[in-house]
Amino acid sequence: GTWLEGIVNAVTHRAYNLNGDDIRIIMYDDRI
């Protein structure tokens, strides 16, 4: 419920007027 909420929030609230960048999910051994 935590990381999925984070993804949904990013999709819902990102600034779609900004070009040249995307929503990114970056996974490390100890964090996401």
ModelCIF file with pLDDT and N, C-alpha, C, O atoms, coordinates in Angstrom:
data_MODEL
#
_entry.id   MODEL 
#
_entity.id                         1 
_entity.type                       polymer 
_entity.pdbx_number_of_molecules   1 
#
_entity_poly.entity_id                      1 
_entity_poly.type                           'polypeptide(L)' 
_entity_poly.nstd_linkage                   no 
_entity_poly.nstd_monomer                   no 
_entity_poly.pdbx_seq_one_letter_code       GTWLEGIVNAVTHRAYNLNGDDIRIIMYDDRI 
_entity_poly.pdbx_seq_one_letter_code_can   GTWLEGIVNAVTHRAYNLNGDDIRIIMYDDRI 
_entity_poly.pdbx_strand_id                 A 
#
loop_
_entity_poly_seq.entity_id 
_entity_poly_seq.num 
_entity_poly_seq.mon_id 
_entity_poly_seq.hetero 
1 1  GLY n 
1 2  THR n 
1 3  TRP n 
1 4  LEU n 
1 5  GLU n 
1 6  GLY n 
1 7  ILE n 
1 8  VAL n 
1 9  ASN n 
1 10 ALA n 
1 11 VAL n 
1 12 THR n 
1 13 HIS n 
1 14 ARG n 
1 15 ALA n 
1 16 TYR n 
1 17 ASN n 
1 18 LEU n 
1 19 ASN n 
1 20 GLY n 
1 21 ASP n 
1 22 ASP n 
1 23 ILE n 
1 24 ARG n 
1 25 ILE n 
1 26 ILE n 
1 27 MET n 
1 28 TYR n 
1 29 ASP n 
1 30 ASP n 
1 31 ARG n 
1 32 ILE n 
#
_struct_asym.id          A 
_struct_asym.entity_id   1 
#
loop_
_ma_qa_metric.id 
_ma_qa_metric.mode 
_ma_qa_metric.name 
_ma_qa_metric.software_group_id 
_ma_qa_metric.type 
1 global pLDDT . pLDDT 
2 local  pLDDT . pLDDT 
#
_ma_qa_metric_global.metric_id      1 
_ma_qa_metric_global.metric_value   90.84 
_ma_qa_metric_global.model_id       1 
_ma_qa_metric_global.ordinal_id     1 
#
loop_
_ma_qa_metric_local.label_asym_id 
_ma_qa_metric_local.label_comp_id 
_ma_qa_metric_local.label_seq_id 
_ma_qa_metric_local.metric_id 
_ma_qa_metric_local.metric_value 
_ma_qa_metric_local.model_id 
_ma_qa_metric_local.ordinal_id 
A GLY 1  2 77.00 1 1  
A THR 2  2 90.00 1 2  
A TRP 3  2 91.00 1 3  
A LEU 4  2 92.00 1 4  
A GLU 5  2 91.00 1 5  
A GLY 6  2 93.00 1 6  
A ILE 7  2 94.00 1 7  
A VAL 8  2 92.00 1 8  
A ASN 9  2 90.00 1 9  
A ALA 10 2 92.00 1 10 
A VAL 11 2 93.00 1 11 
A THR 12 2 89.00 1 12 
A HIS 13 2 90.00 1 13 
A ARG 14 2 91.00 1 14 
A ALA 15 2 92.00 1 15 
A TYR 16 2 91.00 1 16 
A ASN 17 2 89.00 1 17 
A LEU 18 2 89.00 1 18 
A ASN 19 2 86.00 1 19 
A GLY 20 2 87.00 1 20 
A ASP 21 2 91.00 1 21 
A ASP 22 2 93.00 1 22 
A ILE 23 2 95.00 1 23 
A ARG 24 2 96.00 1 24 
A ILE 25 2 96.00 1 25 
A ILE 26 2 96.00 1 26 
A MET 27 2 94.00 1 27 
A TYR 28 2 90.00 1 28 
A ASP 29 2 84.00 1 29 
A ASP 30 2 86.00 1 30 
A ARG 31 2 92.00 1 31 
A ILE 32 2 95.00 1 32 
#
loop_
_atom_site.group_PDB 
_atom_site.id 
_atom_site.type_symbol 
_atom_site.label_atom_id 
_atom_site.label_alt_id 
_atom_site.label_comp_id 
_atom_site.label_asym_id 
_atom_site.label_entity_id 
_atom_site.label_seq_id 
_atom_site.pdbx_PDB_ins_code 
_atom_site.Cartn_x 
_atom_site.Cartn_y 
_atom_site.Cartn_z 
_atom_site.occupancy 
_atom_site.B_iso_or_equiv 
_atom_site.pdbx_formal_charge 
_atom_site.auth_seq_id 
_atom_site.auth_comp_id 
_atom_site.auth_asym_id 
_atom_site.auth_atom_id 
_atom_site.pdbx_PDB_model_num 
ATOM 1   N N  . GLY A 1 1  ? 0.799  -1.208 0.000   1.00 77.00 ? 1  GLY A N  1 
ATOM 2   C CA . GLY A 1 1  ? 0.000  0.000  0.000   1.00 77.00 ? 1  GLY A CA 1 
ATOM 3   C C  . GLY A 1 1  ? 0.832  1.258  0.000   1.00 77.00 ? 1  GLY A C  1 
ATOM 4   O O  . GLY A 1 1  ? 0.330  2.336  -0.319  1.00 77.00 ? 1  GLY A O  1 
ATOM 5   N N  . THR A 1 2  ? 2.129  1.135  0.362   1.00 90.00 ? 2  THR A N  1 
ATOM 6   C CA . THR A 1 2  ? 2.989  2.310  0.435   1.00 90.00 ? 2  THR A CA 1 
ATOM 7   C C  . THR A 1 2  ? 3.614  2.641  -0.912  1.00 90.00 ? 2  THR A C  1 
ATOM 8   O O  . THR A 1 2  ? 3.437  3.751  -1.414  1.00 90.00 ? 2  THR A O  1 
ATOM 9   N N  . TRP A 1 3  ? 4.338  1.707  -1.504  1.00 91.00 ? 3  TRP A N  1 
ATOM 10  C CA . TRP A 1 3  ? 4.992  2.043  -2.769  1.00 91.00 ? 3  TRP A CA 1 
ATOM 11  C C  . TRP A 1 3  ? 3.975  2.202  -3.898  1.00 91.00 ? 3  TRP A C  1 
ATOM 12  O O  . TRP A 1 3  ? 4.198  2.984  -4.822  1.00 91.00 ? 3  TRP A O  1 
ATOM 13  N N  . LEU A 1 4  ? 2.867  1.472  -3.836  1.00 92.00 ? 4  LEU A N  1 
ATOM 14  C CA . LEU A 1 4  ? 1.847  1.634  -4.879  1.00 92.00 ? 4  LEU A CA 1 
ATOM 15  C C  . LEU A 1 4  ? 1.169  3.002  -4.755  1.00 92.00 ? 4  LEU A C  1 
ATOM 16  O O  . LEU A 1 4  ? 0.877  3.649  -5.761  1.00 92.00 ? 4  LEU A O  1 
ATOM 17  N N  . GLU A 1 5  ? 0.923  3.434  -3.522  1.00 91.00 ? 5  GLU A N  1 
ATOM 18  C CA . GLU A 1 5  ? 0.371  4.778  -3.317  1.00 91.00 ? 5  GLU A CA 1 
ATOM 19  C C  . GLU A 1 5  ? 1.336  5.822  -3.866  1.00 91.00 ? 5  GLU A C  1 
ATOM 20  O O  . GLU A 1 5  ? 0.906  6.813  -4.457  1.00 91.00 ? 5  GLU A O  1 
ATOM 21  N N  . GLY A 1 6  ? 2.642  5.609  -3.677  1.00 93.00 ? 6  GLY A N  1 
ATOM 22  C CA . GLY A 1 6  ? 3.626  6.554  -4.184  1.00 93.00 ? 6  GLY A CA 1 
ATOM 23  C C  . GLY A 1 6  ? 3.585  6.664  -5.702  1.00 93.00 ? 6  GLY A C  1 
ATOM 24  O O  . GLY A 1 6  ? 3.695  7.759  -6.254  1.00 93.00 ? 6  GLY A O  1 
ATOM 25  N N  . ILE A 1 7  ? 3.427  5.532  -6.374  1.00 94.00 ? 7  ILE A N  1 
ATOM 26  C CA . ILE A 1 7  ? 3.338  5.542  -7.834  1.00 94.00 ? 7  ILE A CA 1 
ATOM 27  C C  . ILE A 1 7  ? 2.069  6.246  -8.292  1.00 94.00 ? 7  ILE A C  1 
ATOM 28  O O  . ILE A 1 7  ? 2.102  7.072  -9.204  1.00 94.00 ? 7  ILE A O  1 
ATOM 29  N N  . VAL A 1 8  ? 0.948  5.915  -7.654  1.00 92.00 ? 8  VAL A N  1 
ATOM 30  C CA . VAL A 1 8  ? -0.337 6.536  -8.019  1.00 92.00 ? 8  VAL A CA 1 
ATOM 31  C C  . VAL A 1 8  ? -0.277 8.045  -7.797  1.00 92.00 ? 8  VAL A C  1 
ATOM 32  O O  . VAL A 1 8  ? -0.760 8.816  -8.626  1.00 92.00 ? 8  VAL A O  1 
ATOM 33  N N  . ASN A 1 9  ? 0.314  8.465  -6.680  1.00 90.00 ? 9  ASN A N  1 
ATOM 34  C CA . ASN A 1 9  ? 0.442  9.906  -6.401  1.00 90.00 ? 9  ASN A CA 1 
ATOM 35  C C  . ASN A 1 9  ? 1.287  10.607 -7.465  1.00 90.00 ? 9  ASN A C  1 
ATOM 36  O O  . ASN A 1 9  ? 0.969  11.718 -7.891  1.00 90.00 ? 9  ASN A O  1 
ATOM 37  N N  . ALA A 1 10 ? 2.370  9.943  -7.890  1.00 92.00 ? 10 ALA A N  1 
ATOM 38  C CA . ALA A 1 10 ? 3.225  10.548 -8.911  1.00 92.00 ? 10 ALA A CA 1 
ATOM 39  C C  . ALA A 1 10 ? 2.459  10.728 -10.214 1.00 92.00 ? 10 ALA A C  1 
ATOM 40  O O  . ALA A 1 10 ? 2.572  11.766 -10.866 1.00 92.00 ? 10 ALA A O  1 
ATOM 41  N N  . VAL A 1 11 ? 1.690  9.732  -10.587 1.00 93.00 ? 11 VAL A N  1 
ATOM 42  C CA . VAL A 1 11 ? 0.889  9.820  -11.814 1.00 93.00 ? 11 VAL A CA 1 
ATOM 43  C C  . VAL A 1 11 ? -0.190 10.893 -11.685 1.00 93.00 ? 11 VAL A C  1 
ATOM 44  O O  . VAL A 1 11 ? -0.468 11.621 -12.638 1.00 93.00 ? 11 VAL A O  1 
ATOM 45  N N  . THR A 1 12 ? -0.787 10.983 -10.514 1.00 89.00 ? 12 THR A N  1 
ATOM 46  C CA . THR A 1 12 ? -1.905 11.899 -10.302 1.00 89.00 ? 12 THR A CA 1 
ATOM 47  C C  . THR A 1 12 ? -1.462 13.351 -10.216 1.00 89.00 ? 12 THR A C  1 
ATOM 48  O O  . THR A 1 12 ? -2.149 14.234 -10.727 1.00 89.00 ? 12 THR A O  1 
ATOM 49  N N  . HIS A 1 13 ? -0.323 13.614 -9.577  1.00 90.00 ? 13 HIS A N  1 
ATOM 50  C CA . HIS A 1 13 ? 0.034  14.997 -9.231  1.00 90.00 ? 13 HIS A CA 1 
ATOM 51  C C  . HIS A 1 13 ? 1.266  15.537 -9.942  1.00 90.00 ? 13 HIS A C  1 
ATOM 52  O O  . HIS A 1 13 ? 1.686  16.655 -9.645  1.00 90.00 ? 13 HIS A O  1 
ATOM 53  N N  . ARG A 1 14 ? 1.865  14.790 -10.872 1.00 91.00 ? 14 ARG A N  1 
ATOM 54  C CA . ARG A 1 14 ? 3.061  15.302 -11.540 1.00 91.00 ? 14 ARG A CA 1 
ATOM 55  C C  . ARG A 1 14 ? 2.714  16.539 -12.373 1.00 91.00 ? 14 ARG A C  1 
ATOM 56  O O  . ARG A 1 14 ? 1.553  16.772 -12.710 1.00 91.00 ? 14 ARG A O  1 
ATOM 57  N N  . ALA A 1 15 ? 3.733  17.315 -12.693 1.00 92.00 ? 15 ALA A N  1 
ATOM 58  C CA . ALA A 1 15 ? 3.552  18.496 -13.548 1.00 92.00 ? 15 ALA A CA 1 
ATOM 59  C C  . ALA A 1 15 ? 3.682  18.045 -15.003 1.00 92.00 ? 15 ALA A C  1 
ATOM 60  O O  . ALA A 1 15 ? 4.792  17.875 -15.507 1.00 92.00 ? 15 ALA A O  1 
ATOM 61  N N  . TYR A 1 16 ? 2.558  17.856 -15.666 1.00 91.00 ? 16 TYR A N  1 
ATOM 62  C CA . TYR A 1 16 ? 2.576  17.342 -17.032 1.00 91.00 ? 16 TYR A CA 1 
ATOM 63  C C  . TYR A 1 16 ? 3.028  18.390 -18.045 1.00 91.00 ? 16 TYR A C  1 
ATOM 64  O O  . TYR A 1 16 ? 3.262  18.065 -19.209 1.00 91.00 ? 16 TYR A O  1 
ATOM 65  N N  . ASN A 1 17 ? 3.150  19.628 -17.617 1.00 89.00 ? 17 ASN A N  1 
ATOM 66  C CA . ASN A 1 17 ? 3.612  20.673 -18.539 1.00 89.00 ? 17 ASN A CA 1 
ATOM 67  C C  . ASN A 1 17 ? 5.132  20.697 -18.663 1.00 89.00 ? 17 ASN A C  1 
ATOM 68  O O  . ASN A 1 17 ? 5.668  21.401 -19.518 1.00 89.00 ? 17 ASN A O  1 
ATOM 69  N N  . LEU A 1 18 ? 5.842  19.931 -17.814 1.00 89.00 ? 18 LEU A N  1 
ATOM 70  C CA . LEU A 1 18 ? 7.300  19.885 -17.874 1.00 89.00 ? 18 LEU A CA 1 
ATOM 71  C C  . LEU A 1 18 ? 7.735  18.788 -18.838 1.00 89.00 ? 18 LEU A C  1 
ATOM 72  O O  . LEU A 1 18 ? 7.406  17.617 -18.653 1.00 89.00 ? 18 LEU A O  1 
ATOM 73  N N  . ASN A 1 19 ? 8.475  19.182 -19.863 1.00 86.00 ? 19 ASN A N  1 
ATOM 74  C CA . ASN A 1 19 ? 8.973  18.224 -20.843 1.00 86.00 ? 19 ASN A CA 1 
ATOM 75  C C  . ASN A 1 19 ? 10.414 17.840 -20.515 1.00 86.00 ? 19 ASN A C  1 
ATOM 76  O O  . ASN A 1 19 ? 11.120 18.561 -19.810 1.00 86.00 ? 19 ASN A O  1 
ATOM 77  N N  . GLY A 1 20 ? 10.827 16.706 -21.031 1.00 87.00 ? 20 GLY A N  1 
ATOM 78  C CA . GLY A 1 20 ? 12.211 16.284 -20.847 1.00 87.00 ? 20 GLY A CA 1 
ATOM 79  C C  . GLY A 1 20 ? 12.456 15.494 -19.578 1.00 87.00 ? 20 GLY A C  1 
ATOM 80  O O  . GLY A 1 20 ? 13.603 15.165 -19.276 1.00 87.00 ? 20 GLY A O  1 
ATOM 81  N N  . ASP A 1 21 ? 11.426 15.184 -18.837 1.00 91.00 ? 21 ASP A N  1 
ATOM 82  C CA . ASP A 1 21 ? 11.577 14.385 -17.617 1.00 91.00 ? 21 ASP A CA 1 
ATOM 83  C C  . ASP A 1 21 ? 10.391 13.445 -17.524 1.00 91.00 ? 21 ASP A C  1 
ATOM 84  O O  . ASP A 1 21 ? 9.338  13.708 -18.105 1.00 91.00 ? 21 ASP A O  1 
ATOM 85  N N  . ASP A 1 22 ? 10.555 12.350 -16.797 1.00 93.00 ? 22 ASP A N  1 
ATOM 86  C CA . ASP A 1 22 ? 9.498  11.347 -16.649 1.00 93.00 ? 22 ASP A CA 1 
ATOM 87  C C  . ASP A 1 22 ? 9.377  10.931 -15.189 1.00 93.00 ? 22 ASP A C  1 
ATOM 88  O O  . ASP A 1 22 ? 10.272 11.186 -14.383 1.00 93.00 ? 22 ASP A O  1 
ATOM 89  N N  . ILE A 1 23 ? 8.282  10.300 -14.865 1.00 95.00 ? 23 ILE A N  1 
ATOM 90  C CA . ILE A 1 23 ? 8.176  9.613  -13.581 1.00 95.00 ? 23 ILE A CA 1 
ATOM 91  C C  . ILE A 1 23 ? 9.151  8.441  -13.626 1.00 95.00 ? 23 ILE A C  1 
ATOM 92  O O  . ILE A 1 23 ? 9.140  7.663  -14.580 1.00 95.00 ? 23 ILE A O  1 
ATOM 93  N N  . ARG A 1 24 ? 9.987  8.310  -12.610 1.00 96.00 ? 24 ARG A N  1 
ATOM 94  C CA . ARG A 1 24 ? 10.966 7.233  -12.587 1.00 96.00 ? 24 ARG A CA 1 
ATOM 95  C C  . ARG A 1 24 ? 10.880 6.484  -11.255 1.00 96.00 ? 24 ARG A C  1 
ATOM 96  O O  . ARG A 1 24 ? 10.716 7.090  -10.196 1.00 96.00 ? 24 ARG A O  1 
ATOM 97  N N  . ILE A 1 25 ? 10.994 5.171  -11.327 1.00 96.00 ? 25 ILE A N  1 
ATOM 98  C CA . ILE A 1 25 ? 11.040 4.324  -10.135 1.00 96.00 ? 25 ILE A CA 1 
ATOM 99  C C  . ILE A 1 25 ? 12.438 3.734  -10.071 1.00 96.00 ? 25 ILE A C  1 
ATOM 100 O O  . ILE A 1 25 ? 12.838 2.979  -10.958 1.00 96.00 ? 25 ILE A O  1 
ATOM 101 N N  . ILE A 1 26 ? 13.182 4.073  -9.028  1.00 96.00 ? 26 ILE A N  1 
ATOM 102 C CA . ILE A 1 26 ? 14.586 3.678  -8.907  1.00 96.00 ? 26 ILE A CA 1 
ATOM 103 C C  . ILE A 1 26 ? 14.724 2.786  -7.675  1.00 96.00 ? 26 ILE A C  1 
ATOM 104 O O  . ILE A 1 26 ? 14.425 3.213  -6.560  1.00 96.00 ? 26 ILE A O  1 
ATOM 105 N N  . MET A 1 27 ? 15.173 1.555  -7.875  1.00 94.00 ? 27 MET A N  1 
ATOM 106 C CA . MET A 1 27 ? 15.231 0.590  -6.773  1.00 94.00 ? 27 MET A CA 1 
ATOM 107 C C  . MET A 1 27 ? 16.674 0.285  -6.397  1.00 94.00 ? 27 MET A C  1 
ATOM 108 O O  . MET A 1 27 ? 17.488 -0.070 -7.248  1.00 94.00 ? 27 MET A O  1 
ATOM 109 N N  . TYR A 1 28 ? 16.980 0.429  -5.112  1.00 90.00 ? 28 TYR A N  1 
ATOM 110 C CA . TYR A 1 28 ? 18.278 0.069  -4.551  1.00 90.00 ? 28 TYR A CA 1 
ATOM 111 C C  . TYR A 1 28 ? 18.074 -1.062 -3.546  1.00 90.00 ? 28 TYR A C  1 
ATOM 112 O O  . TYR A 1 28 ? 16.946 -1.459 -3.251  1.00 90.00 ? 28 TYR A O  1 
ATOM 113 N N  . ASP A 1 29 ? 19.189 -1.568 -3.030  1.00 84.00 ? 29 ASP A N  1 
ATOM 114 C CA . ASP A 1 29 ? 19.103 -2.679 -2.083  1.00 84.00 ? 29 ASP A CA 1 
ATOM 115 C C  . ASP A 1 29 ? 18.359 -2.281 -0.814  1.00 84.00 ? 29 ASP A C  1 
ATOM 116 O O  . ASP A 1 29 ? 17.662 -3.099 -0.212  1.00 84.00 ? 29 ASP A O  1 
ATOM 117 N N  . ASP A 1 30 ? 18.510 -1.023 -0.412  1.00 86.00 ? 30 ASP A N  1 
ATOM 118 C CA . ASP A 1 30 ? 17.933 -0.610 0.870   1.00 86.00 ? 30 ASP A CA 1 
ATOM 119 C C  . ASP A 1 30 ? 16.823 0.428  0.750   1.00 86.00 ? 30 ASP A C  1 
ATOM 120 O O  . ASP A 1 30 ? 16.303 0.886  1.767   1.00 86.00 ? 30 ASP A O  1 
ATOM 121 N N  . ARG A 1 31 ? 16.441 0.814  -0.490  1.00 92.00 ? 31 ARG A N  1 
ATOM 122 C CA . ARG A 1 31 ? 15.410 1.840  -0.628  1.00 92.00 ? 31 ARG A CA 1 
ATOM 123 C C  . ARG A 1 31 ? 14.830 1.834  -2.040  1.00 92.00 ? 31 ARG A C  1 
ATOM 124 O O  . ARG A 1 31 ? 15.421 1.292  -2.973  1.00 92.00 ? 31 ARG A O  1 
ATOM 125 N N  . ILE A 1 32 ? 13.671 2.446  -2.168  1.00 95.00 ? 32 ILE A N  1 
ATOM 126 C CA . ILE A 1 32 ? 13.043 2.657  -3.460  1.00 95.00 ? 32 ILE A CA 1 
ATOM 127 C C  . ILE A 1 32 ? 12.700 4.137  -3.568  1.00 95.00 ? 32 ILE A C  1 
ATOM 128 O O  . ILE A 1 32 ? 12.153 4.572  -4.582  1.00 95.00 ? 32 ILE A O  1 
#
